[in-house]
Amino acid sequence: MKNVLQRSNNIILSIVCTVYKSELIVPELVSKICTECTNLSQEFEIILVDDGSPDNSWNEIEKVCKSNCNIIGIKLGRNVGQQLAVTAGLRHSSGKFTIVMDGDLQNPPSAIPKILSKLKKGFDIVYTTSLSRNSLGNSFSSMLFWWIMNKIFKERLIPNQLMMRGMTSHYLNIFNSYNEYIRNVVGITHDIGLNYDIIEVQNEKRHSGKSNYNFFKRMDLMLDLVLLITNRPLTYLIYGACIAILSTTAFGVLTFINYTRYPEMPSGYPSLVFLISFFGSFNLLVFGVIGRYLSNIYTEVRNRPLFNIEKIINS
């Protein structure tokens, strides 16, 4: 890694990485990014955001910041999640072009030149996509996620997109104007729109440690994204309620007809169990979705800071 003695005031390229449980990865991450960036321009910065990591990630960030003043270290007061940690890094980006990537080297640094080339051609944002994931389970959940978003909720999101993406300073200013606490980078960039391009990359396996996203965290992320960009769940619940009313009405009429035709038939214990179970489950679903919307509204109206920064190095 090249030791930069003086920080440039004319930053061309900013790289934003979130770091969590990655103490063994930070030196290699910085080395690979520096190699790619120095081949492109001397006016670059690398912003490493420690998202309240419980290991020694911050110590490693301090070491690389001391050896290279083009590296900015940001330590958040507590773990706030990747989406808010990315926002913290983006709000400290000063480059003409900014590239966001994961800090676990799953997003290949070798894609940086391709993204920058596309941005220089006039695209406001450049997405990266990859069909490969860490495991078969992750691949299946990813495929299911994009199918639900695009086929069920009709949102036309770019499928299989990674966190890694590049944006111009104009696009970044718009992104930074979004102040909601319940936020998702995919949802915000989808809402902004503008002129975009897509490049396909080979998503790498995590070099050490395990992914911080389990099944339930992925589901929670999907719920936040759905509620962030669309009201269709409420619409679908209305449709579902109408279908439930029609089907149970038909079932009730059929039960009454059978009762009049066959008086010896015992009173409808099975039908009673069915109706109670059906409406009980349906009500739970309705209240769950409405409750999630209300919870998000309550979180937003409190208007708390998105994150608290404990320490910054080289900024």
Protein backbone atom coordinates (compact mmCIF):
# COMPACT_ATOMS: atom_id res chain seq x y z
CA MET A 1 0.00 0.00 0.00
CA LYS A 2 1.45 3.34 -0.99
CA ASN A 3 2.04 5.84 1.78
CA VAL A 4 0.47 9.17 0.81
CA LEU A 5 2.14 12.08 2.62
CA GLN A 6 -0.39 14.79 1.84
CA ARG A 7 -4.12 14.54 1.31
CA SER A 8 -5.43 16.05 -1.92
CA ASN A 9 -8.14 18.72 -1.81
CA ASN A 10 -9.38 17.79 -5.29
CA ILE A 11 -10.84 14.32 -4.81
CA ILE A 12 -11.85 12.57 -8.01
CA LEU A 13 -12.89 9.19 -6.62
CA SER A 14 -14.31 8.22 -3.21
CA ILE A 15 -14.66 4.60 -2.10
CA VAL A 16 -17.07 3.94 0.78
CA CYS A 17 -16.86 0.62 2.66
CA THR A 18 -18.71 -0.54 5.76
CA VAL A 19 -16.72 -2.69 8.16
CA TYR A 20 -18.19 -5.16 10.66
CA LYS A 21 -16.32 -8.11 12.16
CA SER A 22 -13.64 -7.75 9.50
CA GLU A 23 -10.43 -7.16 11.43
CA LEU A 24 -8.60 -9.79 9.35
CA ILE A 25 -9.86 -8.34 6.08
CA VAL A 26 -9.21 -4.59 6.49
CA PRO A 27 -5.49 -4.56 5.48
CA GLU A 28 -6.09 -6.63 2.34
CA LEU A 29 -9.23 -4.63 1.50
CA VAL A 30 -7.35 -1.33 1.65
CA SER A 31 -4.37 -2.73 -0.25
CA LYS A 32 -6.52 -3.97 -3.15
CA ILE A 33 -8.56 -0.77 -3.34
CA CYS A 34 -5.41 1.38 -3.27
CA THR A 35 -3.91 -0.68 -6.09
CA GLU A 36 -6.95 -0.09 -8.29
CA CYS A 37 -7.32 3.60 -7.37
CA THR A 38 -3.65 4.59 -7.82
CA ASN A 39 -3.81 3.21 -11.35
CA LEU A 40 -6.76 5.52 -12.04
CA SER A 41 -5.95 8.72 -10.17
CA GLN A 42 -3.84 10.05 -7.30
CA GLU A 43 -6.82 12.11 -6.09
CA PHE A 44 -8.83 9.49 -4.26
CA GLU A 45 -10.09 8.71 -0.77
CA ILE A 46 -11.18 5.52 0.95
CA ILE A 47 -13.85 5.90 3.65
CA LEU A 48 -14.01 3.00 6.10
CA VAL A 49 -17.06 3.04 8.39
CA ASP A 50 -16.81 0.86 11.50
CA ASP A 51 -20.40 -0.10 12.27
CA GLY A 52 -19.88 -0.72 15.99
CA SER A 53 -17.86 -3.87 15.27
CA PRO A 54 -17.25 -5.95 18.45
CA ASP A 55 -13.82 -7.18 17.29
CA ASN A 56 -10.61 -5.22 16.59
CA SER A 57 -11.77 -3.81 13.25
CA TRP A 58 -11.39 -0.22 14.47
CA ASN A 59 -7.79 -0.86 15.54
CA GLU A 60 -7.02 -2.07 12.03
CA ILE A 61 -8.73 0.98 10.55
CA GLU A 62 -6.61 3.25 12.76
CA LYS A 63 -3.44 1.53 11.54
CA VAL A 64 -4.21 2.00 7.84
CA CYS A 65 -5.34 5.59 8.44
CA LYS A 66 -1.97 6.39 10.07
CA SER A 67 -0.06 4.96 7.12
CA ASN A 68 -2.16 6.65 4.44
CA CYS A 69 -3.88 10.01 4.93
CA ASN A 70 -6.12 9.31 1.92
CA ILE A 71 -7.97 6.83 4.11
CA ILE A 72 -10.74 8.20 6.33
CA GLY A 73 -11.86 6.19 9.34
CA ILE A 74 -15.33 6.71 10.83
CA LYS A 75 -16.30 4.96 14.05
CA LEU A 76 -20.03 4.91 14.79
CA GLY A 77 -21.24 5.05 18.38
CA ARG A 78 -23.03 1.71 18.08
CA ASN A 79 -24.07 -0.85 15.53
CA VAL A 80 -26.81 0.68 13.34
CA GLY A 81 -26.80 -1.77 10.44
CA GLN A 82 -25.27 -1.66 6.99
CA GLN A 83 -27.84 0.67 5.45
CA LEU A 84 -27.26 3.49 7.94
CA ALA A 85 -23.51 2.83 8.03
CA VAL A 86 -23.37 3.28 4.25
CA THR A 87 -25.27 6.55 4.66
CA ALA A 88 -22.70 7.77 7.20
CA GLY A 89 -19.91 7.09 4.73
CA LEU A 90 -21.72 8.70 1.81
CA ARG A 91 -22.33 11.89 3.79
CA HIS A 92 -18.55 12.25 4.22
CA SER A 93 -17.75 11.55 0.58
CA SER A 94 -16.19 14.50 -1.27
CA GLY A 95 -15.28 12.89 -4.60
CA LYS A 96 -16.57 13.78 -8.03
CA PHE A 97 -17.48 10.10 -8.27
CA THR A 98 -18.33 7.75 -5.39
CA ILE A 99 -18.33 3.96 -5.30
CA VAL A 100 -19.98 1.99 -2.49
CA MET A 101 -18.88 -1.58 -1.75
CA ASP A 102 -19.01 -4.17 1.01
CA GLY A 103 -16.04 -4.28 3.35
CA ASP A 104 -15.66 -8.07 3.29
CA LEU A 105 -14.10 -8.28 -0.22
CA GLN A 106 -17.13 -10.06 -1.63
CA ASN A 107 -17.56 -7.11 -3.99
CA PRO A 108 -14.47 -7.29 -6.23
CA PRO A 109 -12.24 -4.15 -6.16
CA SER A 110 -11.24 -5.07 -9.73
CA ALA A 111 -14.65 -3.72 -10.83
CA ILE A 112 -13.76 -0.17 -9.71
CA PRO A 113 -12.19 0.87 -13.07
CA LYS A 114 -15.22 -0.42 -15.00
CA ILE A 115 -17.64 1.48 -12.78
CA LEU A 116 -15.61 4.69 -13.01
CA SER A 117 -15.42 4.38 -16.79
CA LYS A 118 -19.21 4.13 -17.02
CA LEU A 119 -19.69 7.13 -14.73
CA LYS A 120 -17.34 9.21 -16.85
CA LYS A 121 -19.45 8.37 -19.89
CA GLY A 122 -22.36 10.27 -18.36
CA PHE A 123 -24.33 7.72 -16.34
CA ASP A 124 -25.62 9.02 -13.01
CA ILE A 125 -25.43 5.64 -11.29
CA VAL A 126 -23.87 2.29 -12.21
CA TYR A 127 -25.18 -0.92 -10.62
CA THR A 128 -23.30 -4.19 -10.31
CA THR A 129 -25.08 -7.55 -10.49
CA SER A 130 -23.99 -11.12 -9.83
CA LEU A 131 -25.75 -14.47 -9.94
CA SER A 132 -23.26 -16.11 -7.56
CA ARG A 133 -23.77 -16.06 -3.79
CA ASN A 134 -22.01 -17.55 -0.76
CA SER A 135 -24.15 -20.66 -0.60
CA LEU A 136 -27.05 -22.47 -2.21
CA GLY A 137 -29.33 -21.14 0.55
CA ASN A 138 -28.27 -17.54 -0.12
CA SER A 139 -28.75 -18.05 -3.86
CA PHE A 140 -32.27 -19.39 -3.33
CA SER A 141 -33.26 -16.60 -0.90
CA SER A 142 -31.84 -14.00 -3.28
CA MET A 143 -33.75 -15.44 -6.25
CA LEU A 144 -36.96 -15.57 -4.16
CA PHE A 145 -36.44 -11.98 -2.99
CA TRP A 146 -36.10 -10.52 -6.48
CA TRP A 147 -38.99 -12.65 -7.79
CA ILE A 148 -41.29 -11.35 -5.04
CA MET A 149 -40.24 -7.72 -5.59
CA ASN A 150 -40.54 -7.76 -9.38
CA LYS A 151 -43.31 -10.28 -10.02
CA ILE A 152 -45.57 -9.91 -6.99
CA PHE A 153 -45.10 -6.22 -6.17
CA LYS A 154 -44.32 -5.11 -9.78
CA GLU A 155 -41.52 -2.72 -8.76
CA ARG A 156 -39.11 -3.41 -11.66
CA LEU A 157 -36.02 -3.43 -9.50
CA ILE A 158 -32.72 -4.43 -11.07
CA PRO A 159 -32.48 -8.12 -10.11
CA ASN A 160 -29.42 -9.66 -8.44
CA GLN A 161 -27.89 -6.26 -7.71
CA LEU A 162 -25.09 -6.01 -5.17
CA MET A 163 -24.34 -3.29 -2.66
CA MET A 164 -21.46 -2.24 -4.92
CA ARG A 165 -22.52 0.71 -7.08
CA GLY A 166 -21.08 3.95 -8.36
CA MET A 167 -22.67 7.39 -8.47
CA THR A 168 -21.85 10.93 -9.52
CA SER A 169 -21.70 13.82 -7.06
CA HIS A 170 -25.04 15.06 -8.43
CA TYR A 171 -26.65 11.69 -7.71
CA LEU A 172 -24.98 11.55 -4.30
CA ASN A 173 -26.42 14.93 -3.33
CA ILE A 174 -29.91 13.65 -4.11
CA PHE A 175 -29.26 10.44 -2.17
CA ASN A 176 -28.05 12.39 0.86
CA SER A 177 -31.25 14.47 0.85
CA TYR A 178 -33.22 11.33 1.86
CA ASN A 179 -33.50 11.50 5.65
CA GLU A 180 -35.77 8.60 6.58
CA TYR A 181 -34.53 6.42 9.43
CA ILE A 182 -36.00 3.22 8.01
CA ARG A 183 -33.88 3.21 4.89
CA ASN A 184 -32.59 0.85 2.26
CA VAL A 185 -29.96 1.71 -0.33
CA VAL A 186 -31.74 -0.38 -2.98
CA GLY A 187 -35.04 1.37 -2.29
CA ILE A 188 -33.59 4.89 -2.29
CA THR A 189 -31.61 4.44 -5.51
CA HIS A 190 -34.69 2.89 -7.12
CA ASP A 191 -36.77 5.89 -6.07
CA ILE A 192 -34.22 8.39 -7.41
CA GLY A 193 -34.03 6.80 -10.83
CA LEU A 194 -32.03 8.95 -13.32
CA ASN A 195 -29.72 7.61 -16.03
CA TYR A 196 -28.17 4.26 -15.08
CA ASP A 197 -26.14 1.39 -16.44
CA ILE A 198 -25.45 -2.15 -15.22
CA ILE A 199 -22.26 -4.21 -15.21
CA GLU A 200 -22.05 -7.87 -14.22
CA VAL A 201 -19.28 -8.89 -11.83
CA GLN A 202 -18.22 -12.08 -10.11
CA ASN A 203 -19.24 -11.82 -6.48
CA GLU A 204 -16.52 -13.42 -4.35
CA LYS A 205 -16.83 -15.57 -1.26
CA ARG A 206 -16.09 -13.94 2.08
CA HIS A 207 -12.36 -14.33 2.86
CA SER A 208 -12.81 -14.96 6.58
CA GLY A 209 -15.61 -15.17 9.10
CA LYS A 210 -19.27 -15.65 8.32
CA SER A 211 -21.84 -13.46 6.64
CA ASN A 212 -23.70 -11.19 9.05
CA TYR A 213 -26.99 -11.77 7.22
CA ASN A 214 -29.01 -14.80 8.27
CA PHE A 215 -32.44 -15.77 6.95
CA PHE A 216 -34.35 -13.61 9.42
CA LYS A 217 -32.20 -10.52 8.78
CA ARG A 218 -32.76 -10.96 5.05
CA MET A 219 -36.51 -11.23 5.62
CA ASP A 220 -36.45 -8.12 7.80
CA LEU A 221 -34.50 -6.26 5.10
CA MET A 222 -37.02 -7.35 2.48
CA LEU A 223 -39.94 -6.17 4.64
CA ASP A 224 -38.33 -2.76 5.12
CA LEU A 225 -37.70 -2.48 1.38
CA VAL A 226 -41.28 -3.46 0.50
CA LEU A 227 -42.80 -0.97 2.94
CA LEU A 228 -40.33 1.71 1.83
CA ILE A 229 -41.17 1.69 -1.85
CA THR A 230 -44.76 0.48 -2.17
CA ASN A 231 -48.20 0.39 -0.52
CA ARG A 232 -49.22 -2.70 -2.45
CA PRO A 233 -49.27 -4.99 0.64
CA LEU A 234 -52.22 -2.98 1.96
CA THR A 235 -53.93 -3.16 -1.43
CA TYR A 236 -53.37 -6.91 -1.61
CA LEU A 237 -54.82 -7.31 1.88
CA ILE A 238 -58.00 -5.52 0.73
CA TYR A 239 -58.21 -7.88 -2.25
CA GLY A 240 -57.58 -10.83 0.05
CA ALA A 241 -60.31 -9.69 2.42
CA CYS A 242 -62.77 -9.44 -0.48
CA ILE A 243 -61.86 -12.94 -1.67
CA ALA A 244 -62.19 -14.27 1.88
CA ILE A 245 -65.65 -12.72 2.23
CA LEU A 246 -66.83 -14.17 -1.08
CA SER A 247 -65.39 -17.64 -0.45
CA THR A 248 -66.74 -17.91 3.08
CA THR A 249 -70.13 -16.62 1.94
CA ALA A 250 -70.21 -19.29 -0.74
CA PHE A 251 -69.10 -21.88 1.82
CA GLY A 252 -71.85 -20.76 4.18
CA VAL A 253 -74.53 -20.96 1.47
CA LEU A 254 -73.32 -24.43 0.50
CA THR A 255 -73.44 -25.56 4.13
CA PHE A 256 -76.98 -24.21 4.52
CA ILE A 257 -78.16 -25.98 1.34
CA ASN A 258 -76.65 -29.26 2.48
CA TYR A 259 -78.26 -28.85 5.88
CA THR A 260 -81.72 -28.34 4.34
CA ARG A 261 -81.24 -31.28 1.97
CA TYR A 262 -79.86 -33.62 4.62
CA PRO A 263 -81.52 -32.83 7.97
CA GLU A 264 -79.81 -35.83 9.56
CA MET A 265 -76.40 -34.19 8.96
CA PRO A 266 -74.74 -33.30 12.31
CA SER A 267 -74.24 -29.63 13.03
CA GLY A 268 -71.22 -28.12 11.26
CA TYR A 269 -68.29 -28.58 13.60
CA PRO A 270 -65.76 -28.86 10.69
CA SER A 271 -67.08 -25.73 9.01
CA LEU A 272 -66.94 -23.83 12.30
CA VAL A 273 -63.30 -24.83 12.84
CA PHE A 274 -62.45 -23.86 9.27
CA LEU A 275 -64.03 -20.41 9.53
CA ILE A 276 -62.41 -19.63 12.88
CA SER A 277 -58.98 -20.78 11.70
CA PHE A 278 -59.23 -18.97 8.38
CA PHE A 279 -60.37 -15.62 9.72
CA GLY A 280 -58.06 -15.84 12.73
CA SER A 281 -55.01 -16.33 10.50
CA PHE A 282 -56.15 -13.67 8.08
CA ASN A 283 -56.67 -11.14 10.86
CA LEU A 284 -53.19 -11.83 12.22
CA LEU A 285 -51.75 -11.16 8.77
CA VAL A 286 -53.70 -7.92 8.38
CA PHE A 287 -52.77 -6.63 11.82
CA GLY A 288 -49.14 -7.64 11.30
CA VAL A 289 -48.76 -5.65 8.08
CA ILE A 290 -50.63 -2.63 9.45
CA GLY A 291 -48.60 -2.83 12.66
CA ARG A 292 -45.34 -2.81 10.68
CA TYR A 293 -46.44 0.29 8.77
CA LEU A 294 -47.42 2.02 12.04
CA SER A 295 -44.10 1.02 13.63
CA ASN A 296 -42.19 2.57 10.74
CA ILE A 297 -44.27 5.74 10.95
CA TYR A 298 -43.60 5.99 14.69
CA THR A 299 -39.86 5.54 14.09
CA GLU A 300 -39.83 8.31 11.51
CA VAL A 301 -41.90 10.88 13.44
CA ARG A 302 -39.50 10.70 16.39
CA ASN A 303 -36.97 12.30 14.02
CA ARG A 304 -33.92 10.95 15.82
CA PRO A 305 -30.41 11.26 14.32
CA LEU A 306 -29.67 8.56 11.77
CA PHE A 307 -26.37 7.72 13.47
CA ASN A 308 -23.89 9.05 16.02
CA ILE A 309 -20.22 9.32 15.13
CA GLU A 310 -17.80 8.57 17.96
CA LYS A 311 -14.55 9.30 16.14
CA ILE A 312 -13.22 10.36 12.73
CA ILE A 313 -9.64 10.03 11.45
CA ASN A 314 -8.16 12.03 8.52
CA SER A 315 -11.40 13.87 7.73
